[in-house]
Amino acid sequence: MLLKGRAWKFGSNIDTDVIIPARYLTTHDPALLAPHCLEGADPDFARKCAPGDILVAEWNFGCGSSREHAPIAIRGLGVACVVAKSFARIFYRNAFNTGLPLLEVPETVVDEIQSGDLLEIDLEANQLTVSPSGKRYPVPAIPPFMRELLDAGGLIPFVRKRLRQEGRYRET
């Protein structure tokens, strides 16, 4: 899987209330959540971000409430991936459950990236390239089970696929 997009850099401790404010939690619809994604950090972010762009953050991205709305809003906006020095553990799992790839990378990699840089992430070769500098960095492989979740489109499609394979799921 090859991901290419413009980098949007954020700081540390971006919590789920900043990612998607609580007043919008009346729906799980990605299309309704996306226009409010990260408005707590940048009110114009959703209008500026393009499908395929990549979020880059410092430490503890996704801390706070354990709501799945945060990765749903990010994915609904079309963000291809989130790269950070570290993630809150519940956010990490919720992201993969909703089909949003996350890469926890060494701090030196995040420190080199600036908003507006073009990033190319090769999830097969475990490599991140930053342009215009052309610098390439090795990145950790996504764990196999998390990769299965991503390939299926998230936890629910993954479970449906498994149940179909076992003959225990029928479309209604």
Foldseek 3Di string as FASTA:
>chain_A
DKFKAFEDEDEEDCELCQQFNPVQPPDLDLLSRQQRGNCSPPVCVLVPDAARHEYEYEYAPHDDDLDLSNLSNVVSSRHQAYEYCYYDVSNQQSNLQQLHHYFNFHRVVSVPDDGGWMWMADLVQQWIATPPVRDIDHTDHDDPVSVLSNVLRHNVSSVQVVCVVVVNDDDD
